[in-house]
Amino acid sequence: MKASIVDLRYKSKEILEALEQNETVTILDDGNVKGVITPPGQASCRKIEDHPFFGMNAQSDETVREELSRLRNLRHDL
């Protein structure tokens, strides 16, 4: 099912019924996809390795803790 931002407000009953029937609802704003609502039992199964952030700093010599500490220090020094 596709629903606009206005449909979320005025047709929420139909959207909830679609979710109860295990139908995915795509939220549109001016024809552009803004999000997807999936029924509770239909969670997407993605591997962490598929996320673009995974392994982005593979050449670093720092451990994860050292890198996080360095990044957090920048935030706390403000």
N, C-alpha and C. Protein backbone atom coordinates (compact mmCIF):
# COMPACT_ATOMS: atom_id res chain seq x y z
N MET A 1 0.84 -1.17 0.00
CA MET A 1 0.00 0.00 0.00
C MET A 1 0.89 1.23 0.00
N LYS A 2 0.44 2.27 -0.71
CA LYS A 2 1.13 3.54 -0.71
C LYS A 2 0.23 4.57 -0.05
N ALA A 3 0.79 5.40 0.79
CA ALA A 3 0.02 6.41 1.51
C ALA A 3 0.82 7.71 1.54
N SER A 4 0.11 8.82 1.42
CA SER A 4 0.76 10.12 1.51
C SER A 4 0.81 10.56 2.97
N ILE A 5 1.45 11.68 3.19
CA ILE A 5 1.52 12.25 4.53
C ILE A 5 0.11 12.58 5.04
N VAL A 6 -0.73 13.10 4.16
CA VAL A 6 -2.11 13.44 4.53
C VAL A 6 -2.90 12.17 4.87
N ASP A 7 -2.63 11.08 4.12
CA ASP A 7 -3.32 9.82 4.40
C ASP A 7 -3.01 9.30 5.80
N LEU A 8 -1.82 9.57 6.29
CA LEU A 8 -1.48 9.14 7.64
C LEU A 8 -2.44 9.74 8.66
N ARG A 9 -2.87 10.96 8.39
CA ARG A 9 -3.77 11.62 9.32
C ARG A 9 -5.23 11.22 9.12
N TYR A 10 -5.66 11.21 7.87
CA TYR A 10 -7.08 11.02 7.61
C TYR A 10 -7.49 9.59 7.31
N LYS A 11 -6.55 8.74 6.94
CA LYS A 11 -6.87 7.35 6.61
C LYS A 11 -6.08 6.38 7.47
N SER A 12 -5.85 6.75 8.70
CA SER A 12 -5.04 5.90 9.58
C SER A 12 -5.69 4.55 9.81
N LYS A 13 -7.01 4.49 9.82
CA LYS A 13 -7.70 3.22 10.01
C LYS A 13 -7.36 2.24 8.88
N GLU A 14 -7.38 2.73 7.63
CA GLU A 14 -7.06 1.87 6.49
C GLU A 14 -5.59 1.43 6.51
N ILE A 15 -4.73 2.33 6.95
CA ILE A 15 -3.30 1.99 7.03
C ILE A 15 -3.07 0.91 8.08
N LEU A 16 -3.72 1.05 9.24
CA LEU A 16 -3.59 0.03 10.28
C LEU A 16 -4.17 -1.30 9.84
N GLU A 17 -5.27 -1.27 9.08
CA GLU A 17 -5.85 -2.52 8.56
C GLU A 17 -4.89 -3.19 7.59
N ALA A 18 -4.24 -2.40 6.76
CA ALA A 18 -3.26 -2.97 5.82
C ALA A 18 -2.10 -3.62 6.58
N LEU A 19 -1.65 -2.98 7.65
CA LEU A 19 -0.57 -3.56 8.46
C LEU A 19 -1.02 -4.85 9.13
N GLU A 20 -2.29 -4.90 9.57
CA GLU A 20 -2.81 -6.12 10.19
C GLU A 20 -2.86 -7.27 9.20
N GLN A 21 -2.97 -6.95 7.91
CA GLN A 21 -2.99 -7.97 6.87
C GLN A 21 -1.58 -8.25 6.33
N ASN A 22 -0.57 -7.87 7.12
CA ASN A 22 0.85 -8.08 6.78
C ASN A 22 1.24 -7.40 5.47
N GLU A 23 0.68 -6.25 5.23
CA GLU A 23 1.01 -5.47 4.04
C GLU A 23 1.96 -4.35 4.43
N THR A 24 2.96 -4.13 3.64
CA THR A 24 3.90 -3.04 3.88
C THR A 24 3.31 -1.75 3.36
N VAL A 25 3.48 -0.66 4.11
CA VAL A 25 2.94 0.65 3.72
C VAL A 25 4.11 1.57 3.40
N THR A 26 4.10 2.11 2.18
CA THR A 26 5.12 3.05 1.75
C THR A 26 4.59 4.46 1.92
N ILE A 27 5.33 5.31 2.61
CA ILE A 27 4.92 6.69 2.87
C ILE A 27 5.54 7.60 1.82
N LEU A 28 4.68 8.38 1.16
CA LEU A 28 5.13 9.26 0.09
C LEU A 28 4.89 10.72 0.48
N ASP A 29 5.80 11.58 0.04
CA ASP A 29 5.65 13.02 0.20
C ASP A 29 5.98 13.66 -1.14
N ASP A 30 5.00 14.24 -1.79
CA ASP A 30 5.16 14.79 -3.15
C ASP A 30 5.69 13.74 -4.12
N GLY A 31 5.25 12.51 -3.96
CA GLY A 31 5.65 11.43 -4.87
C GLY A 31 6.98 10.79 -4.53
N ASN A 32 7.68 11.32 -3.56
CA ASN A 32 8.98 10.76 -3.15
C ASN A 32 8.79 9.88 -1.93
N VAL A 33 9.46 8.74 -1.93
CA VAL A 33 9.37 7.82 -0.80
C VAL A 33 10.11 8.43 0.39
N LYS A 34 9.39 8.57 1.51
CA LYS A 34 9.98 9.10 2.74
C LYS A 34 10.25 8.00 3.76
N GLY A 35 9.54 6.89 3.65
CA GLY A 35 9.73 5.81 4.61
C GLY A 35 8.85 4.64 4.29
N VAL A 36 9.08 3.55 5.01
CA VAL A 36 8.31 2.33 4.83
C VAL A 36 7.94 1.81 6.21
N ILE A 37 6.67 1.49 6.39
CA ILE A 37 6.19 0.90 7.63
C ILE A 37 5.95 -0.58 7.35
N THR A 38 6.61 -1.43 8.12
CA THR A 38 6.45 -2.87 7.93
C THR A 38 5.70 -3.46 9.11
N PRO A 39 4.93 -4.52 8.87
CA PRO A 39 4.23 -5.18 9.97
C PRO A 39 5.24 -5.77 10.96
N PRO A 40 4.83 -6.00 12.22
CA PRO A 40 5.77 -6.45 13.25
C PRO A 40 6.50 -7.74 12.93
N GLY A 41 5.87 -8.70 12.32
CA GLY A 41 6.52 -9.98 12.05
C GLY A 41 7.35 -10.00 10.81
N GLN A 42 7.48 -8.85 10.14
CA GLN A 42 8.14 -8.81 8.84
C GLN A 42 9.38 -7.92 8.88
N ALA A 43 10.16 -8.05 9.91
CA ALA A 43 11.36 -7.23 10.04
C ALA A 43 12.36 -7.59 8.95
N SER A 44 13.05 -6.59 8.47
CA SER A 44 14.02 -6.85 7.41
C SER A 44 15.25 -7.52 8.01
N CYS A 45 15.74 -8.52 7.33
CA CYS A 45 16.91 -9.25 7.79
C CYS A 45 18.11 -8.80 6.96
N ARG A 46 18.84 -7.88 7.50
CA ARG A 46 20.03 -7.40 6.80
C ARG A 46 21.26 -7.79 7.60
N LYS A 47 22.31 -8.02 6.89
CA LYS A 47 23.58 -8.32 7.55
C LYS A 47 24.29 -7.01 7.87
N ILE A 48 24.98 -7.00 8.98
CA ILE A 48 25.72 -5.81 9.38
C ILE A 48 26.79 -5.47 8.34
N GLU A 49 27.31 -6.49 7.68
CA GLU A 49 28.34 -6.26 6.68
C GLU A 49 27.83 -5.49 5.47
N ASP A 50 26.51 -5.47 5.27
CA ASP A 50 25.93 -4.77 4.13
C ASP A 50 25.77 -3.28 4.38
N HIS A 51 25.91 -2.85 5.63
CA HIS A 51 25.77 -1.43 5.96
C HIS A 51 26.99 -0.68 5.43
N PRO A 52 26.80 0.50 4.81
CA PRO A 52 27.93 1.23 4.22
C PRO A 52 28.99 1.66 5.24
N PHE A 53 28.63 1.78 6.52
CA PHE A 53 29.59 2.20 7.53
C PHE A 53 30.55 1.07 7.90
N PHE A 54 30.12 -0.18 7.70
CA PHE A 54 30.91 -1.33 8.14
C PHE A 54 32.25 -1.37 7.40
N GLY A 55 33.33 -1.40 8.14
CA GLY A 55 34.65 -1.53 7.57
C GLY A 55 35.15 -0.29 6.84
N MET A 56 34.54 0.87 7.07
CA MET A 56 34.95 2.05 6.31
C MET A 56 36.33 2.54 6.73
N ASN A 57 36.77 2.14 7.90
CA ASN A 57 38.08 2.58 8.36
C ASN A 57 38.98 1.36 8.60
N ALA A 58 38.98 0.45 7.67
CA ALA A 58 39.71 -0.81 7.84
C ALA A 58 41.22 -0.61 7.87
N GLN A 59 41.71 0.51 7.31
CA GLN A 59 43.16 0.74 7.28
C GLN A 59 43.69 1.36 8.56
N SER A 60 42.83 1.68 9.51
CA SER A 60 43.24 2.35 10.74
C SER A 60 44.02 1.38 11.63
N ASP A 61 45.03 1.93 12.30
CA ASP A 61 45.82 1.13 13.24
C ASP A 61 45.25 1.20 14.65
N GLU A 62 44.27 2.09 14.88
CA GLU A 62 43.67 2.24 16.19
C GLU A 62 42.68 1.11 16.48
N THR A 63 42.56 0.79 17.75
CA THR A 63 41.51 -0.16 18.13
C THR A 63 40.18 0.60 18.11
N VAL A 64 39.10 -0.13 18.19
CA VAL A 64 37.78 0.49 18.19
C VAL A 64 37.63 1.43 19.38
N ARG A 65 38.08 0.98 20.54
CA ARG A 65 37.99 1.83 21.74
C ARG A 65 38.80 3.11 21.61
N GLU A 66 39.99 3.02 21.05
CA GLU A 66 40.81 4.21 20.87
C GLU A 66 40.16 5.19 19.90
N GLU A 67 39.61 4.66 18.82
CA GLU A 67 38.97 5.53 17.84
C GLU A 67 37.72 6.19 18.43
N LEU A 68 36.90 5.44 19.15
CA LEU A 68 35.72 6.02 19.79
C LEU A 68 36.12 7.08 20.80
N SER A 69 37.16 6.82 21.56
CA SER A 69 37.62 7.80 22.54
C SER A 69 38.07 9.08 21.84
N ARG A 70 38.78 8.94 20.75
CA ARG A 70 39.24 10.10 19.99
C ARG A 70 38.05 10.89 19.44
N LEU A 71 37.05 10.18 18.89
CA LEU A 71 35.88 10.86 18.33
C LEU A 71 35.06 11.53 19.43
N ARG A 72 34.95 10.89 20.56
CA ARG A 72 34.16 11.46 21.68
C ARG A 72 34.86 12.68 22.27
N ASN A 73 36.16 12.67 22.30
CA ASN A 73 36.89 13.82 22.84
C ASN A 73 36.59 15.06 22.02
N LEU A 74 36.46 14.91 20.72
CA LEU A 74 36.13 16.07 19.88
C LEU A 74 34.79 16.65 20.30
N ARG A 75 33.84 15.81 20.64
CA ARG A 75 32.52 16.28 21.03
C ARG A 75 32.56 16.95 22.40
N HIS A 76 33.34 16.40 23.33
CA HIS A 76 33.37 16.92 24.69
C HIS A 76 34.23 18.18 24.80
N ASP A 77 35.10 18.39 23.85
CA ASP A 77 35.97 19.57 23.91
C ASP A 77 35.28 20.84 23.47
N LEU A 78 34.06 20.73 22.94
CA LEU A 78 33.36 21.93 22.46
C LEU A 78 33.02 22.77 23.61
